[in-house]
Protein backbone atom coordinates (compact mmCIF):
# COMPACT_ATOMS: atom_id res chain seq x y z
CA MET A 1 91.33 105.66 80.76
CA ILE A 2 88.19 104.16 82.29
CA ALA A 3 85.25 106.45 83.07
CA ILE A 4 84.93 107.66 86.65
CA THR A 5 81.86 108.27 88.81
CA LYS A 6 80.48 111.70 89.77
CA ARG A 7 81.89 111.34 93.30
CA GLN A 8 85.30 110.38 91.95
CA ARG A 9 85.14 113.36 89.56
CA ALA A 10 84.29 115.63 92.51
CA LEU A 11 87.30 114.29 94.43
CA LEU A 12 89.58 114.70 91.42
CA ASP A 13 88.35 118.28 90.91
CA PHE A 14 88.94 119.01 94.61
CA ILE A 15 92.49 117.62 94.41
CA ARG A 16 93.25 119.67 91.26
CA LYS A 17 91.92 122.87 92.81
CA PHE A 18 93.72 122.29 96.12
CA MET A 19 97.01 121.62 94.35
CA ALA A 20 96.62 124.73 92.18
CA GLU A 21 96.02 126.85 95.27
CA ASN A 22 98.86 125.28 97.30
CA ASP A 23 101.87 125.25 94.96
CA GLY A 24 101.35 121.64 93.89
CA LEU A 25 100.89 120.25 97.41
CA ALA A 26 98.21 117.56 97.45
CA PRO A 27 95.51 117.65 100.13
CA SER A 28 95.57 115.26 103.06
CA VAL A 29 92.89 112.59 103.32
CA MET A 30 91.25 114.57 106.12
CA GLU A 31 91.22 117.74 103.98
CA MET A 32 89.60 115.77 101.16
CA THR A 33 87.02 114.33 103.57
CA ARG A 34 86.12 117.79 104.85
CA GLY A 35 86.29 119.40 101.41
CA LEU A 36 83.76 116.95 100.00
CA ASP A 37 81.65 116.99 103.19
CA LEU A 38 82.01 113.23 103.66
CA SER A 39 81.43 111.42 106.92
CA SER A 40 84.45 109.11 106.84
CA THR A 41 88.03 109.07 105.61
CA SER A 42 87.46 105.51 104.41
CA ASN A 43 85.22 106.94 101.67
CA VAL A 44 88.13 109.04 100.43
CA HIS A 45 90.56 106.12 100.68
CA ASN A 46 88.19 103.99 98.58
CA MET A 47 87.76 106.69 95.94
CA LEU A 48 91.52 107.30 95.77
CA THR A 49 92.08 103.57 95.26
CA ARG A 50 89.52 103.50 92.45
CA LEU A 51 91.04 106.58 90.78
CA GLU A 52 94.45 104.96 90.96
CA GLN A 53 93.12 101.68 89.52
CA ARG A 54 91.60 103.63 86.64
CA GLY A 55 94.92 105.33 85.90
CA VAL A 56 93.70 108.83 86.77
CA ILE A 57 96.10 109.38 89.67
CA ARG A 58 99.29 107.85 91.01
CA ARG A 59 100.20 107.59 94.69
CA LEU A 60 103.37 106.68 96.54
CA LYS A 61 102.72 104.20 99.32
CA PHE A 62 103.56 105.35 102.84
CA HIS A 63 103.95 108.98 101.80
CA ALA A 64 101.42 111.56 102.92
CA ARG A 65 100.09 113.89 100.24
CA ALA A 66 101.92 111.95 97.51
CA ILE A 67 99.33 112.20 94.72
CA GLN A 68 100.08 112.84 91.08
CA ILE A 69 97.32 113.49 88.58
CA VAL A 70 98.11 111.49 85.45
CA ASP A 71 97.95 113.18 82.07
CA PRO A 72 96.54 110.54 79.70
CA ASN A 73 98.34 112.22 76.77
CA ASP A 74 101.76 111.85 78.40
CA PRO A 75 103.53 108.81 76.87
CA VAL A 76 105.45 108.25 80.13
CA ALA A 77 102.16 108.06 82.03
CA ARG A 78 100.99 105.26 79.73
CA ALA A 79 104.26 103.31 79.81
CA SER A 80 104.74 100.37 82.15
CA ASP A 81 107.58 100.40 84.67
CA ARG A 82 109.19 97.57 82.68
CA ASP A 83 109.09 99.69 79.51
CA LEU A 84 110.63 102.65 81.34
CA VAL A 85 113.46 100.50 82.74
CA ALA A 86 114.05 99.00 79.27
CA GLU A 87 114.27 102.49 77.75
CA LEU A 88 116.78 103.59 80.42
CA THR A 89 118.85 100.46 79.82
CA GLN A 90 118.81 101.04 76.05
CA ARG A 91 120.09 104.58 76.64
CA GLY A 92 123.08 103.28 78.62
CA TRP A 93 121.79 103.46 82.17
CA THR A 94 122.28 100.67 84.70
CA VAL A 95 119.17 100.10 86.80
CA THR A 96 119.25 97.91 89.90
CA PRO A 97 116.32 97.18 92.25
CA PRO A 98 114.68 98.70 94.12
CA PHE A 99 113.85 101.23 91.44
CA ASN A 100 110.71 103.24 90.84
CA PRO A 101 111.07 105.07 87.52
CA ARG A 102 108.05 107.21 88.35
CA VAL A 103 109.73 108.98 91.30
CA PRO A 104 111.67 112.04 90.12
CA HIS A 105 115.32 112.17 91.05
CA GLY A 106 115.76 114.03 94.29
CA GLY A 107 112.61 112.40 95.65
CA ASN A 108 112.61 110.25 98.75
CA HIS A 109 113.59 106.85 97.36
CA THR A 110 116.48 104.40 97.29
CA SER A 111 116.78 103.69 93.59
CA GLN A 112 120.10 102.80 92.08
CA VAL A 113 120.49 104.32 88.63
CA GLN A 114 123.86 104.98 87.07
CA HIS A 115 124.78 106.10 83.60
CA ASP A 116 127.48 104.00 81.95
CA HIS A 117 129.94 106.51 80.56
CA GLY A 118 130.99 104.42 77.63
């Protein structure tokens, strides 16, 4: 994982604390802006993008509050989507696009994953 700036660390700490206090619910961009006493939501958007690029968080596009803090020690967090699909295929699962292996089953997605029952 690439080092992050003090401001990014402050945002990450805010997100962690907010999620701990709100049963895992991530803060909205506006809540992050207010919580860090920033003047613009674009500052938060930029920091979130940088955190995501550095592999510290994951976000789902077009979903509000869809932030996951990545554990760098989790082998799934370090695996590429291609590796995850290959592992599912090796275990007998049929995966057809569109598929996002990082969205837990029961989430809001349209993946097609079926287990081949031998």
